């Protein structure tokens, strides 16, 4: 009994449906937020420790790469929230059919990106 299975996977040829992309990004966003918790706890403790600690934390958060990372975490939070609500609605039996599932997946992706861009615009002001 021989099975013709692929020897390797060409990731460029695999075309996930939009629901699959949202699912993977939901997991990635959750991991990003979990990894950020110790950094934010350290910054919070540093800022509350003393005036000098607050200045250090403020200077750290003002760095352009840190601000870009914060923007990435804003996207992670928004995407995780919107995709999570989408999954809760699917668990309740709403939007299970293919057109509705695709529409809700695109909505979650677009809304998270749009609100992140709004936050980015606010960060520039």
PDB file of N, CA and C in Angstrom:
ATOM      1  N   UNK A   1       0.845  -1.163   0.000  1.00  0.00           N
ATOM      2  CA  UNK A   1       0.000   0.000   0.000  1.00  0.00           C
ATOM      3  C   UNK A   1       0.895   1.232   0.000  1.00  0.00           C
ATOM      4  N   UNK A   2       1.057   1.833  -1.136  1.00  0.00           N
ATOM      5  CA  UNK A   2       1.887   3.027  -1.236  1.00  0.00           C
ATOM      6  C   UNK A   2       0.992   4.249  -1.355  1.00  0.00           C
ATOM      7  N   UNK A   3       1.380   5.243  -0.636  1.00  0.00           N
ATOM      8  CA  UNK A   3       0.649   6.513  -0.692  1.00  0.00           C
ATOM      9  C   UNK A   3       1.545   7.533  -1.365  1.00  0.00           C
ATOM     10  N   UNK A   4       0.983   8.276  -2.243  1.00  0.00           N
ATOM     11  CA  UNK A   4       1.734   9.318  -2.918  1.00  0.00           C
ATOM     12  C   UNK A   4       1.589  10.609  -2.124  1.00  0.00           C
ATOM     13  N   UNK A   5       2.529  10.801  -1.236  1.00  0.00           N
ATOM     14  CA  UNK A   5       2.519  11.980  -0.394  1.00  0.00           C
ATOM     15  C   UNK A   5       3.630  12.905  -0.855  1.00  0.00           C
ATOM     16  N   UNK A   6       3.458  14.186  -0.675  1.00  0.00           N
ATOM     17  CA  UNK A   6       4.526  15.104  -1.076  1.00  0.00           C
ATOM     18  C   UNK A   6       5.761  14.913  -0.199  1.00  0.00           C
ATOM     19  N   UNK A   7       6.910  14.988  -0.831  1.00  0.00           N
ATOM     20  CA  UNK A   7       8.166  14.841  -0.103  1.00  0.00           C
ATOM     21  C   UNK A   7       8.449  16.117   0.681  1.00  0.00           C
ATOM     22  N   UNK A   8       8.105  17.236   0.126  1.00  0.00           N
ATOM     23  CA  UNK A   8       8.289  18.518   0.790  1.00  0.00           C
ATOM     24  C   UNK A   8       7.109  19.412   0.438  1.00  0.00           C
ATOM     25  N   UNK A   9       6.937  20.430   1.233  1.00  0.00           N
ATOM     26  CA  UNK A   9       5.858  21.368   0.980  1.00  0.00           C
ATOM     27  C   UNK A   9       6.436  22.662   0.436  1.00  0.00           C
ATOM     28  N   UNK A  10       5.909  23.122  -0.663  1.00  0.00           N
ATOM     29  CA  UNK A  10       6.309  24.417  -1.189  1.00  0.00           C
ATOM     30  C   UNK A  10       5.352  25.455  -0.619  1.00  0.00           C
ATOM     31  N   UNK A  11       5.852  26.235   0.352  1.00  0.00           N
ATOM     32  CA  UNK A  11       4.989  27.179   1.042  1.00  0.00           C
ATOM     33  C   UNK A  11       4.449  28.257   0.109  1.00  0.00           C
ATOM     34  N   UNK A  12       5.151  28.530  -0.974  1.00  0.00           N
ATOM     35  CA  UNK A  12       4.669  29.535  -1.924  1.00  0.00           C
ATOM     36  C   UNK A  12       3.486  29.024  -2.730  1.00  0.00           C
ATOM     37  N   UNK A  13       3.330  27.719  -2.825  1.00  0.00           N
ATOM     38  CA  UNK A  13       2.223  27.141  -3.592  1.00  0.00           C
ATOM     39  C   UNK A  13       0.979  26.893  -2.756  1.00  0.00           C
ATOM     40  N   UNK A  14       1.122  26.895  -1.464  1.00  0.00           N
ATOM     41  CA  UNK A  14      -0.022  26.655  -0.600  1.00  0.00           C
ATOM     42  C   UNK A  14      -0.822  27.950  -0.502  1.00  0.00           C
ATOM     43  N   UNK A  15      -2.073  27.893  -0.877  1.00  0.00           N
ATOM     44  CA  UNK A  15      -2.930  29.069  -0.818  1.00  0.00           C
ATOM     45  C   UNK A  15      -4.004  28.823   0.234  1.00  0.00           C
ATOM     46  N   UNK A  16      -3.763  29.382   1.421  1.00  0.00           N
ATOM     47  CA  UNK A  16      -4.734  29.237   2.492  1.00  0.00           C
ATOM     48  C   UNK A  16      -5.951  30.111   2.209  1.00  0.00           C
ATOM     49  N   UNK A  17      -7.119  29.641   2.587  1.00  0.00           N
ATOM     50  CA  UNK A  17      -8.275  30.538   2.521  1.00  0.00           C
ATOM     51  C   UNK A  17      -8.116  31.638   3.571  1.00  0.00           C
ATOM     52  N   UNK A  18      -8.859  32.697   3.418  1.00  0.00           N
ATOM     53  CA  UNK A  18      -8.709  33.839   4.318  1.00  0.00           C
ATOM     54  C   UNK A  18      -8.991  33.447   5.768  1.00  0.00           C
ATOM     55  N   UNK A  19      -9.875  32.495   5.969  1.00  0.00           N
ATOM     56  CA  UNK A  19     -10.134  32.010   7.334  1.00  0.00           C
ATOM     57  C   UNK A  19      -8.910  31.359   7.954  1.00  0.00           C
ATOM     58  N   UNK A  20      -8.132  30.652   7.147  1.00  0.00           N
ATOM     59  CA  UNK A  20      -6.892  30.047   7.632  1.00  0.00           C
ATOM     60  C   UNK A  20      -5.857  31.087   7.994  1.00  0.00           C
ATOM     61  N   UNK A  21      -5.777  32.144   7.195  1.00  0.00           N
ATOM     62  CA  UNK A  21      -4.842  33.234   7.488  1.00  0.00           C
ATOM     63  C   UNK A  21      -5.228  33.918   8.790  1.00  0.00           C
ATOM     64  N   UNK A  22      -6.515  34.176   8.976  1.00  0.00           N
ATOM     65  CA  UNK A  22      -6.992  34.801  10.215  1.00  0.00           C
ATOM     66  C   UNK A  22      -6.690  33.908  11.404  1.00  0.00           C
ATOM     67  N   UNK A  23      -6.848  32.603  11.241  1.00  0.00           N
ATOM     68  CA  UNK A  23      -6.577  31.667  12.326  1.00  0.00           C
ATOM     69  C   UNK A  23      -5.101  31.691  12.723  1.00  0.00           C
ATOM     70  N   UNK A  24      -4.225  31.657  11.744  1.00  0.00           N
ATOM     71  CA  UNK A  24      -2.790  31.682  12.037  1.00  0.00           C
ATOM     72  C   UNK A  24      -2.402  33.011  12.681  1.00  0.00           C
ATOM     73  N   UNK A  25      -2.918  34.118  12.140  1.00  0.00           N
ATOM     74  CA  UNK A  25      -2.604  35.425  12.714  1.00  0.00           C
ATOM     75  C   UNK A  25      -3.181  35.576  14.120  1.00  0.00           C
ATOM     76  N   UNK A  26      -4.302  34.912  14.399  1.00  0.00           N
ATOM     77  CA  UNK A  26      -4.879  34.930  15.749  1.00  0.00           C
ATOM     78  C   UNK A  26      -3.896  34.296  16.738  1.00  0.00           C
ATOM     79  N   UNK A  27      -3.301  33.200  16.344  1.00  0.00           N
ATOM     80  CA  UNK A  27      -2.325  32.535  17.208  1.00  0.00           C
ATOM     81  C   UNK A  27      -1.065  33.365  17.366  1.00  0.00           C
ATOM     82  N   UNK A  28      -0.580  33.920  16.251  1.00  0.00           N
ATOM     83  CA  UNK A  28       0.633  34.746  16.292  1.00  0.00           C
ATOM     84  C   UNK A  28       0.408  35.972  17.170  1.00  0.00           C
ATOM     85  N   UNK A  29      -0.744  36.613  17.031  1.00  0.00           N
ATOM     86  CA  UNK A  29      -1.019  37.797  17.847  1.00  0.00           C
ATOM     87  C   UNK A  29      -1.092  37.443  19.330  1.00  0.00           C
ATOM     88  N   UNK A  30      -1.647  36.291  19.646  1.00  0.00           N
ATOM     89  CA  UNK A  30      -1.688  35.858  21.041  1.00  0.00           C
ATOM     90  C   UNK A  30      -0.299  35.625  21.606  1.00  0.00           C
ATOM     91  N   UNK A  31       0.569  35.011  20.825  1.00  0.00           N
ATOM     92  CA  UNK A  31       1.947  34.773  21.274  1.00  0.00           C
ATOM     93  C   UNK A  31       2.677  36.100  21.468  1.00  0.00           C
ATOM     94  N   UNK A  32       2.493  37.038  20.546  1.00  0.00           N
ATOM     95  CA  UNK A  32       3.148  38.344  20.673  1.00  0.00           C
ATOM     96  C   UNK A  32       2.724  39.053  21.959  1.00  0.00           C
ATOM     97  N   UNK A  33       1.445  38.994  22.268  1.00  0.00           N
ATOM     98  CA  UNK A  33       0.970  39.660  23.483  1.00  0.00           C
ATOM     99  C   UNK A  33       1.498  38.980  24.739  1.00  0.00           C
ATOM    100  N   UNK A  34       1.573  37.655  24.728  1.00  0.00           N
ATOM    101  CA  UNK A  34       2.106  36.942  25.895  1.00  0.00           C
ATOM    102  C   UNK A  34       3.579  37.271  26.095  1.00  0.00           C
ATOM    103  N   UNK A  35       4.328  37.360  25.007  1.00  0.00           N
ATOM    104  CA  UNK A  35       5.748  37.695  25.119  1.00  0.00           C
ATOM    105  C   UNK A  35       5.960  39.138  25.573  1.00  0.00           C
ATOM    106  N   UNK A  36       4.999  40.011  25.333  1.00  0.00           N
ATOM    107  CA  UNK A  36       5.126  41.409  25.728  1.00  0.00           C
ATOM    108  C   UNK A  36       4.814  41.642  27.205  1.00  0.00           C
ATOM    109  N   UNK A  37       4.126  40.718  27.844  1.00  0.00           N
ATOM    110  CA  UNK A  37       3.719  40.913  29.232  1.00  0.00           C
ATOM    111  C   UNK A  37       4.912  41.149  30.161  1.00  0.00           C
ATOM    112  N   UNK A  38       5.990  40.357  30.119  1.00  0.00           N
ATOM    113  CA  UNK A  38       7.112  40.627  31.029  1.00  0.00           C
ATOM    114  C   UNK A  38       7.764  41.990  30.789  1.00  0.00           C
ATOM    115  N   UNK A  39       7.842  42.409  29.549  1.00  0.00           N
ATOM    116  CA  UNK A  39       8.435  43.712  29.235  1.00  0.00           C
ATOM    117  C   UNK A  39       7.577  44.825  29.812  1.00  0.00           C
ATOM    118  N   UNK A  40       6.269  44.730  29.644  1.00  0.00           N
ATOM    119  CA  UNK A  40       5.390  45.751  30.192  1.00  0.00           C
ATOM    120  C   UNK A  40       5.386  45.729  31.718  1.00  0.00           C
ATOM    121  N   UNK A  41       5.480  44.567  32.325  1.00  0.00           N
ATOM    122  CA  UNK A  41       5.559  44.486  33.784  1.00  0.00           C
ATOM    123  C   UNK A  41       6.838  45.153  34.280  1.00  0.00           C
ATOM    124  N   UNK A  42       7.956  44.912  33.589  1.00  0.00           N
ATOM    125  CA  UNK A  42       9.218  45.549  33.961  1.00  0.00           C
ATOM    126  C   UNK A  42       9.126  47.069  33.818  1.00  0.00           C
ATOM    127  N   UNK A  43       8.554  47.531  32.681  1.00  0.00           N
ATOM    128  CA  UNK A  43       8.406  48.977  32.484  1.00  0.00           C
ATOM    129  C   UNK A  43       7.490  49.596  33.538  1.00  0.00           C
ATOM    130  N   UNK A  44       6.440  48.916  33.877  1.00  0.00           N
ATOM    131  CA  UNK A  44       5.505  49.416  34.889  1.00  0.00           C
ATOM    132  C   UNK A  44       6.187  49.528  36.244  1.00  0.00           C
ATOM    133  N   UNK A  45       6.914  48.489  36.623  1.00  0.00           N
ATOM    134  CA  UNK A  45       7.642  48.519  37.896  1.00  0.00           C
ATOM    135  C   UNK A  45       8.718  49.599  37.886  1.00  0.00           C
ATOM    136  N   UNK A  46       9.402  49.747  36.776  1.00  0.00           N
ATOM    137  CA  UNK A  46      10.438  50.776  36.651  1.00  0.00           C
ATOM    138  C   UNK A  46       9.838  52.169  36.775  1.00  0.00           C
ATOM    139  N   UNK A  47       8.722  52.397  36.111  1.00  0.00           N
ATOM    140  CA  UNK A  47       8.094  53.720  36.136  1.00  0.00           C
ATOM    141  C   UNK A  47       7.545  54.064  37.513  1.00  0.00           C
ATOM    142  N   UNK A  48       7.082  53.074  38.257  1.00  0.00           N
ATOM    143  CA  UNK A  48       6.528  53.341  39.585  1.00  0.00           C
ATOM    144  C   UNK A  48       7.591  53.387  40.677  1.00  0.00           C
ATOM    145  N   UNK A  49       8.796  52.928  40.353  1.00  0.00           N
ATOM    146  CA  UNK A  49       9.848  52.846  41.367  1.00  0.00           C
ATOM    147  C   UNK A  49      10.380  54.181  41.823  1.00  0.00           C
ATOM    148  N   UNK A  50      10.628  55.073  40.899  1.00  0.00           N
ATOM    149  CA  UNK A  50      11.206  56.375  41.240  1.00  0.00           C
ATOM    150  C   UNK A  50      11.018  57.325  40.065  1.00  0.00           C
ATOM    151  N   UNK A  51      11.376  58.567  40.315  1.00  0.00           N
ATOM    152  CA  UNK A  51      11.298  59.564  39.243  1.00  0.00           C
ATOM    153  C   UNK A  51      12.291  59.239  38.142  1.00  0.00           C
ATOM    154  N   UNK A  52      13.476  58.811  38.524  1.00  0.00           N
ATOM    155  CA  UNK A  52      14.491  58.442  37.534  1.00  0.00           C
ATOM    156  C   UNK A  52      14.034  57.218  36.732  1.00  0.00           C
ATOM    157  N   UNK A  53      13.376  56.288  37.394  1.00  0.00           N
ATOM    158  CA  UNK A  53      12.850  55.114  36.700  1.00  0.00           C
ATOM    159  C   UNK A  53      11.778  55.486  35.705  1.00  0.00           C
ATOM    160  N   UNK A  54      10.933  56.451  36.089  1.00  0.00           N
ATOM    161  CA  UNK A  54       9.897  56.927  35.173  1.00  0.00           C
ATOM    162  C   UNK A  54      10.525  57.577  33.947  1.00  0.00           C
ATOM    163  N   UNK A  55      11.561  58.368  34.158  1.00  0.00           N
ATOM    164  CA  UNK A  55      12.255  59.005  33.034  1.00  0.00           C
ATOM    165  C   UNK A  55      12.900  57.955  32.130  1.00  0.00           C
ATOM    166  N   UNK A  56      13.465  56.924  32.718  1.00  0.00           N
ATOM    167  CA  UNK A  56      14.078  55.846  31.931  1.00  0.00           C
ATOM    168  C   UNK A  56      13.024  55.123  31.104  1.00  0.00           C
ATOM    169  N   UNK A  57      11.895  54.808  31.730  1.00  0.00           N
ATOM    170  CA  UNK A  57      10.816  54.132  31.010  1.00  0.00           C
ATOM    171  C   UNK A  57      10.265  55.028  29.894  1.00  0.00           C
ATOM    172  N   UNK A  58      10.124  56.307  30.163  1.00  0.00           N
ATOM    173  CA  UNK A  58       9.634  57.242  29.136  1.00  0.00           C
ATOM    174  C   UNK A  58      10.606  57.337  27.974  1.00  0.00           C
ATOM    175  N   UNK A  59      11.897  57.389  28.278  1.00  0.00           N
ATOM    176  CA  UNK A  59      12.899  57.456  27.217  1.00  0.00           C
ATOM    177  C   UNK A  59      12.896  56.172  26.395  1.00  0.00           C
ATOM    178  N   UNK A  60      12.726  55.037  27.065  1.00  0.00           N
ATOM    179  CA  UNK A  60      12.675  53.757  26.367  1.00  0.00           C
ATOM    180  C   UNK A  60      11.484  53.715  25.413  1.00  0.00           C
ATOM    181  N   UNK A  61      10.330  54.164  25.897  1.00  0.00           N
ATOM    182  CA  UNK A  61       9.112  54.130  25.076  1.00  0.00           C
ATOM    183  C   UNK A  61       9.122  55.168  23.959  1.00  0.00           C
ATOM    184  N   UNK A  62       9.991  56.162  24.051  1.00  0.00           N
ATOM    185  CA  UNK A  62      10.065  57.194  23.017  1.00  0.00           C
ATOM    186  C   UNK A  62      10.947  56.783  21.841  1.00  0.00           C
ATOM    187  N   UNK A  63      11.700  55.699  21.989  1.00  0.00           N
ATOM    188  CA  UNK A  63      12.588  55.257  20.902  1.00  0.00           C
ATOM    189  C   UNK A  63      11.741  54.810  19.703  1.00  0.00           C
ATOM    190  N   UNK A  64      12.145  55.171  18.469  1.00  0.00           N
ATOM    191  CA  UNK A  64      11.332  54.841  17.292  1.00  0.00           C
ATOM    192  C   UNK A  64      11.083  53.347  17.086  1.00  0.00           C
ATOM    193  N   UNK A  65      12.064  52.505  17.356  1.00  0.00           N
ATOM    194  CA  UNK A  65      11.844  51.063  17.195  1.00  0.00           C
ATOM    195  C   UNK A  65      10.863  50.519  18.237  1.00  0.00           C
ATOM    196  N   UNK A  66      10.918  51.087  19.426  1.00  0.00           N
ATOM    197  CA  UNK A  66       9.979  50.667  20.467  1.00  0.00           C
ATOM    198  C   UNK A  66       8.572  51.124  20.097  1.00  0.00           C
ATOM    199  N   UNK A  67       8.458  52.319  19.550  1.00  0.00           N
ATOM    200  CA  UNK A  67       7.138  52.798  19.122  1.00  0.00           C
ATOM    201  C   UNK A  67       6.575  51.940  17.996  1.00  0.00           C
ATOM    202  N   UNK A  68       7.437  51.506  17.088  1.00  0.00           N
ATOM    203  CA  UNK A  68       6.998  50.606  16.023  1.00  0.00           C
ATOM    204  C   UNK A  68       6.553  49.261  16.610  1.00  0.00           C
ATOM    205  N   UNK A  69       7.283  48.781  17.609  1.00  0.00           N
ATOM    206  CA  UNK A  69       6.904  47.537  18.284  1.00  0.00           C
ATOM    207  C   UNK A  69       5.569  47.705  19.007  1.00  0.00           C
ATOM    208  N   UNK A  70       5.365  48.864  19.619  1.00  0.00           N
ATOM    209  CA  UNK A  70       4.081  49.133  20.277  1.00  0.00           C
ATOM    210  C   UNK A  70       2.941  49.132  19.264  1.00  0.00           C
ATOM    211  N   UNK A  71       3.207  49.666  18.090  1.00  0.00           N
ATOM    212  CA  UNK A  71       2.190  49.657  17.038  1.00  0.00           C
ATOM    213  C   UNK A  71       1.875  48.223  16.606  1.00  0.00           C
ATOM    214  N   UNK A  72       2.894  47.391  16.517  1.00  0.00           N
ATOM    215  CA  UNK A  72       2.680  45.980  16.210  1.00  0.00           C
ATOM    216  C   UNK A  72       1.838  45.311  17.293  1.00  0.00           C
ATOM    217  N   UNK A  73       2.090  45.670  18.540  1.00  0.00           N
ATOM    218  CA  UNK A  73       1.302  45.097  19.636  1.00  0.00           C
ATOM    219  C   UNK A  73      -0.123  45.623  19.642  1.00  0.00           C
ATOM    220  N   UNK A  74      -0.324  46.854  19.194  1.00  0.00           N
ATOM    221  CA  UNK A  74      -1.694  47.373  19.047  1.00  0.00           C
ATOM    222  C   UNK A  74      -2.435  46.536  18.012  1.00  0.00           C
ATOM    223  N   UNK A  75      -1.759  46.273  16.882  1.00  0.00           N
ATOM    224  CA  UNK A  75      -2.393  45.422  15.864  1.00  0.00           C
ATOM    225  C   UNK A  75      -2.693  44.037  16.444  1.00  0.00           C
ATOM    226  N   UNK A  76      -1.739  43.476  17.195  1.00  0.00           N
ATOM    227  CA  UNK A  76      -1.929  42.140  17.762  1.00  0.00           C
ATOM    228  C   UNK A  76      -3.154  42.116  18.677  1.00  0.00           C
ATOM    229  N   UNK A  77      -3.285  43.135  19.515  1.00  0.00           N
ATOM    230  CA  UNK A  77      -4.428  43.203  20.420  1.00  0.00           C
ATOM    231  C   UNK A  77      -5.741  43.310  19.646  1.00  0.00           C
ATOM    232  N   UNK A  78      -5.767  44.201  18.669  1.00  0.00           N
ATOM    233  CA  UNK A  78      -7.002  44.388  17.894  1.00  0.00           C
ATOM    234  C   UNK A  78      -7.356  43.151  17.077  1.00  0.00           C
ATOM    235  N   UNK A  79      -6.359  42.564  16.422  1.00  0.00           N
ATOM    236  CA  UNK A  79      -6.646  41.374  15.618  1.00  0.00           C
ATOM    237  C   UNK A  79      -7.110  40.225  16.507  1.00  0.00           C
ATOM    238  N   UNK A  80      -6.438  40.040  17.635  1.00  0.00           N
ATOM    239  CA  UNK A  80      -6.801  38.950  18.536  1.00  0.00           C
ATOM    240  C   UNK A  80      -8.226  39.151  19.062  1.00  0.00           C
ATOM    241  N   UNK A  81      -8.566  40.388  19.387  1.00  0.00           N
ATOM    242  CA  UNK A  81      -9.908  40.685  19.876  1.00  0.00           C
ATOM    243  C   UNK A  81     -10.959  40.425  18.805  1.00  0.00           C
ATOM    244  N   UNK A  82     -10.746  40.974  17.619  1.00  0.00           N
ATOM    245  CA  UNK A  82     -11.755  40.840  16.558  1.00  0.00           C
ATOM    246  C   UNK A  82     -11.866  39.400  16.058  1.00  0.00           C
ATOM    247  N   UNK A  83     -10.741  38.723  15.894  1.00  0.00           N
ATOM    248  CA  UNK A  83     -10.806  37.324  15.465  1.00  0.00           C
ATOM    249  C   UNK A  83     -11.424  36.458  16.566  1.00  0.00           C
ATOM    250  N   UNK A  84     -11.147  36.791  17.820  1.00  0.00           N
ATOM    251  CA  UNK A  84     -11.742  36.044  18.927  1.00  0.00           C
ATOM    252  C   UNK A  84     -13.253  36.196  18.960  1.00  0.00           C
ATOM    253  N   UNK A  85     -13.742  37.409  18.734  1.00  0.00           N
ATOM    254  CA  UNK A  85     -15.199  37.626  18.665  1.00  0.00           C
ATOM    255  C   UNK A  85     -15.775  36.851  17.486  1.00  0.00           C
ATOM    256  N   UNK A  86     -15.046  36.859  16.369  1.00  0.00           N
ATOM    257  CA  UNK A  86     -15.492  36.094  15.196  1.00  0.00           C
ATOM    258  C   UNK A  86     -15.627  34.611  15.537  1.00  0.00           C
ATOM    259  N   UNK A  87     -14.634  34.070  16.236  1.00  0.00           N
ATOM    260  CA  UNK A  87     -14.684  32.647  16.601  1.00  0.00           C
ATOM    261  C   UNK A  87     -15.796  32.364  17.599  1.00  0.00           C
ATOM    262  N   UNK A  88     -16.054  33.285  18.515  1.00  0.00           N
ATOM    263  CA  UNK A  88     -17.167  33.087  19.443  1.00  0.00           C
ATOM    264  C   UNK A  88     -18.500  33.046  18.697  1.00  0.00           C
ATOM    265  N   UNK A  89     -18.652  33.933  17.722  1.00  0.00           N
ATOM    266  CA  UNK A  89     -19.892  33.921  16.940  1.00  0.00           C
ATOM    267  C   UNK A  89     -20.014  32.636  16.119  1.00  0.00           C
ATOM    268  N   UNK A  90     -18.907  32.170  15.573  1.00  0.00           N
ATOM    269  CA  UNK A  90     -18.938  30.906  14.833  1.00  0.00           C
ATOM    270  C   UNK A  90     -19.300  29.753  15.766  1.00  0.00           C
ATOM    271  N   UNK A  91     -18.765  29.783  16.998  1.00  0.00           N
ATOM    272  CA  UNK A  91     -19.109  28.741  17.973  1.00  0.00           C
ATOM    273  C   UNK A  91     -20.592  28.754  18.324  1.00  0.00           C
ATOM    274  N   UNK A  92     -21.213  29.923  18.227  1.00  0.00           N
ATOM    275  CA  UNK A  92     -22.644  30.028  18.493  1.00  0.00           C
ATOM    276  C   UNK A  92     -23.481  29.656  17.276  1.00  0.00           C
ATOM    277  N   UNK A  93     -22.825  29.339  16.176  1.00  0.00           N
ATOM    278  CA  UNK A  93     -23.529  28.926  14.972  1.00  0.00           C
ATOM    279  C   UNK A  93     -23.846  30.063  14.017  1.00  0.00           C
ATOM    280  N   UNK A  94     -23.302  31.244  14.281  1.00  0.00           N
ATOM    281  CA  UNK A  94     -23.550  32.397  13.413  1.00  0.00           C
ATOM    282  C   UNK A  94     -22.395  32.551  12.433  1.00  0.00           C
ATOM    283  N   UNK A  95     -22.711  32.715  11.175  1.00  0.00           N
ATOM    284  CA  UNK A  95     -21.675  32.929  10.171  1.00  0.00           C
ATOM    285  C   UNK A  95     -20.867  31.692   9.849  1.00  0.00           C
ATOM    286  N   UNK A  96     -21.501  30.547   9.897  1.00  0.00           N
ATOM    287  CA  UNK A  96     -20.788  29.297   9.640  1.00  0.00           C
ATOM    288  C   UNK A  96     -20.711  28.990   8.148  1.00  0.00           C
ATOM    289  N   UNK A  97     -21.674  29.451   7.381  1.00  0.00           N
ATOM    290  CA  UNK A  97     -21.649  29.147   5.949  1.00  0.00           C
ATOM    291  C   UNK A  97     -20.463  29.877   5.292  1.00  0.00           C
ATOM    292  N   UNK A  98     -20.018  29.354   4.188  1.00  0.00           N
ATOM    293  CA  UNK A  98     -18.788  29.820   3.550  1.00  0.00           C
ATOM    294  C   UNK A  98     -18.780  31.320   3.229  1.00  0.00           C
ATOM    295  N   UNK A  99     -19.804  31.872   2.591  1.00  0.00           N
ATOM    296  CA  UNK A  99     -19.748  33.312   2.289  1.00  0.00           C
ATOM    297  C   UNK A  99     -19.675  34.189   3.543  1.00  0.00           C
ATOM    298  N   UNK A 100     -20.445  33.835   4.558  1.00  0.00           N
ATOM    299  CA  UNK A 100     -20.414  34.615   5.804  1.00  0.00           C
ATOM    300  C   UNK A 100     -19.077  34.480   6.516  1.00  0.00           C
ATOM    301  N   UNK A 101     -18.514  33.287   6.511  1.00  0.00           N
ATOM    302  CA  UNK A 101     -17.223  33.070   7.160  1.00  0.00           C
ATOM    303  C   UNK A 101     -16.126  33.864   6.458  1.00  0.00           C
ATOM    304  N   UNK A 102     -16.157  33.868   5.134  1.00  0.00           N
ATOM    305  CA  UNK A 102     -15.160  34.659   4.393  1.00  0.00           C
ATOM    306  C   UNK A 102     -15.336  36.144   4.665  1.00  0.00           C
ATOM    307  N   UNK A 103     -16.575  36.594   4.664  1.00  0.00           N
ATOM    308  CA  UNK A 103     -16.847  38.011   4.901  1.00  0.00           C
ATOM    309  C   UNK A 103     -16.391  38.428   6.301  1.00  0.00           C
ATOM    310  N   UNK A 104     -16.660  37.606   7.297  1.00  0.00           N
ATOM    311  CA  UNK A 104     -16.244  37.950   8.666  1.00  0.00           C
ATOM    312  C   UNK A 104     -14.723  37.895   8.816  1.00  0.00           C
ATOM    313  N   UNK A 105     -14.072  36.985   8.096  1.00  0.00           N
ATOM    314  CA  UNK A 105     -12.610  36.923   8.149  1.00  0.00           C
ATOM    315  C   UNK A 105     -12.002  38.181   7.541  1.00  0.00           C
ATOM    316  N   UNK A 106     -12.503  38.588   6.379  1.00  0.00           N
ATOM    317  CA  UNK A 106     -11.996  39.809   5.751  1.00  0.00           C
ATOM    318  C   UNK A 106     -12.303  41.028   6.620  1.00  0.00           C
ATOM    319  N   UNK A 107     -13.455  41.034   7.263  1.00  0.00           N
ATOM    320  CA  UNK A 107     -13.814  42.147   8.138  1.00  0.00           C
ATOM    321  C   UNK A 107     -12.865  42.234   9.325  1.00  0.00           C
ATOM    322  N   UNK A 108     -12.542  41.099   9.926  1.00  0.00           N
ATOM    323  CA  UNK A 108     -11.613  41.097  11.060  1.00  0.00           C
ATOM    324  C   UNK A 108     -10.239  41.602  10.637  1.00  0.00           C
ATOM    325  N   UNK A 109      -9.760  41.130   9.487  1.00  0.00           N
ATOM    326  CA  UNK A 109      -8.454  41.584   9.001  1.00  0.00           C
ATOM    327  C   UNK A 109      -8.457  43.086   8.721  1.00  0.00           C
ATOM    328  N   UNK A 110      -9.465  43.549   7.995  1.00  0.00           N
ATOM    329  CA  UNK A 110      -9.514  44.956   7.589  1.00  0.00           C
ATOM    330  C   UNK A 110      -9.730  45.884   8.775  1.00  0.00           C
ATOM    331  N   UNK A 111     -10.606  45.504   9.688  1.00  0.00           N
ATOM    332  CA  UNK A 111     -10.893  46.368  10.834  1.00  0.00           C
ATOM    333  C   UNK A 111      -9.679  46.509  11.741  1.00  0.00           C
ATOM    334  N   UNK A 112      -8.974  45.415  11.983  1.00  0.00           N
ATOM    335  CA  UNK A 112      -7.775  45.492  12.827  1.00  0.00           C
ATOM    336  C   UNK A 112      -6.721  46.377  12.177  1.00  0.00           C
ATOM    337  N   UNK A 113      -6.542  46.235  10.888  1.00  0.00           N
ATOM    338  CA  UNK A 113      -5.563  47.060  10.181  1.00  0.00           C
ATOM    339  C   UNK A 113      -5.986  48.526  10.158  1.00  0.00           C
ATOM    340  N   UNK A 114      -7.270  48.792   9.923  1.00  0.00           N
ATOM    341  CA  UNK A 114      -7.753  50.176   9.857  1.00  0.00           C
ATOM    342  C   UNK A 114      -7.596  50.884  11.203  1.00  0.00           C
ATOM    343  N   UNK A 115      -7.977  50.233  12.281  1.00  0.00           N
ATOM    344  CA  UNK A 115      -7.856  50.868  13.595  1.00  0.00           C
ATOM    345  C   UNK A 115      -6.387  51.027  13.975  1.00  0.00           C
ATOM    346  N   UNK A 116      -5.542  50.072  13.589  1.00  0.00           N
ATOM    347  CA  UNK A 116      -4.109  50.212  13.847  1.00  0.00           C
ATOM    348  C   UNK A 116      -3.548  51.422  13.113  1.00  0.00           C
ATOM    349  N   UNK A 117      -3.979  51.638  11.880  1.00  0.00           N
ATOM    350  CA  UNK A 117      -3.517  52.813  11.132  1.00  0.00           C
ATOM    351  C   UNK A 117      -4.014  54.106  11.769  1.00  0.00           C
ATOM    352  N   UNK A 118      -5.213  54.083  12.337  1.00  0.00           N
ATOM    353  CA  UNK A 118      -5.697  55.259  13.056  1.00  0.00           C
ATOM    354  C   UNK A 118      -4.853  55.545  14.295  1.00  0.00           C
ATOM    355  N   UNK A 119      -4.508  54.502  15.017  1.00  0.00           N
ATOM    356  CA  UNK A 119      -3.639  54.656  16.186  1.00  0.00           C
ATOM    357  C   UNK A 119      -2.280  55.171  15.757  1.00  0.00           C
ATOM    358  N   UNK A 120      -1.764  54.676  14.632  1.00  0.00           N
ATOM    359  CA  UNK A 120      -0.465  55.149  14.122  1.00  0.00           C
ATOM    360  C   UNK A 120      -0.545  56.635  13.799  1.00  0.00           C
ATOM    361  N   UNK A 121      -1.648  57.062  13.197  1.00  0.00           N
ATOM    362  CA  UNK A 121      -1.819  58.485  12.922  1.00  0.00           C
ATOM    363  C   UNK A 121      -1.850  59.300  14.205  1.00  0.00           C
ATOM    364  N   UNK A 122      -2.478  58.773  15.245  1.00  0.00           N
ATOM    365  CA  UNK A 122      -2.506  59.452  16.542  1.00  0.00           C
ATOM    366  C   UNK A 122      -1.128  59.498  17.185  1.00  0.00           C
ATOM    367  N   UNK A 123      -0.317  58.478  16.952  1.00  0.00           N
ATOM    368  CA  UNK A 123       1.039  58.453  17.521  1.00  0.00           C
ATOM    369  C   UNK A 123       1.926  59.502  16.853  1.00  0.00           C
ATOM    370  N   UNK A 124       1.628  59.844  15.611  1.00  0.00           N
ATOM    371  CA  UNK A 124       2.433  60.834  14.900  1.00  0.00           C
ATOM    372  C   UNK A 124       2.119  62.257  15.339  1.00  0.00           C
ATOM    373  N   UNK A 125       0.934  62.477  15.913  1.00  0.00           N
ATOM    374  CA  UNK A 125       0.556  63.825  16.328  1.00  0.00           C
ATOM    375  C   UNK A 125       1.308  64.285  17.536  1.00  0.00           C
TER     376      UNK A 125
END
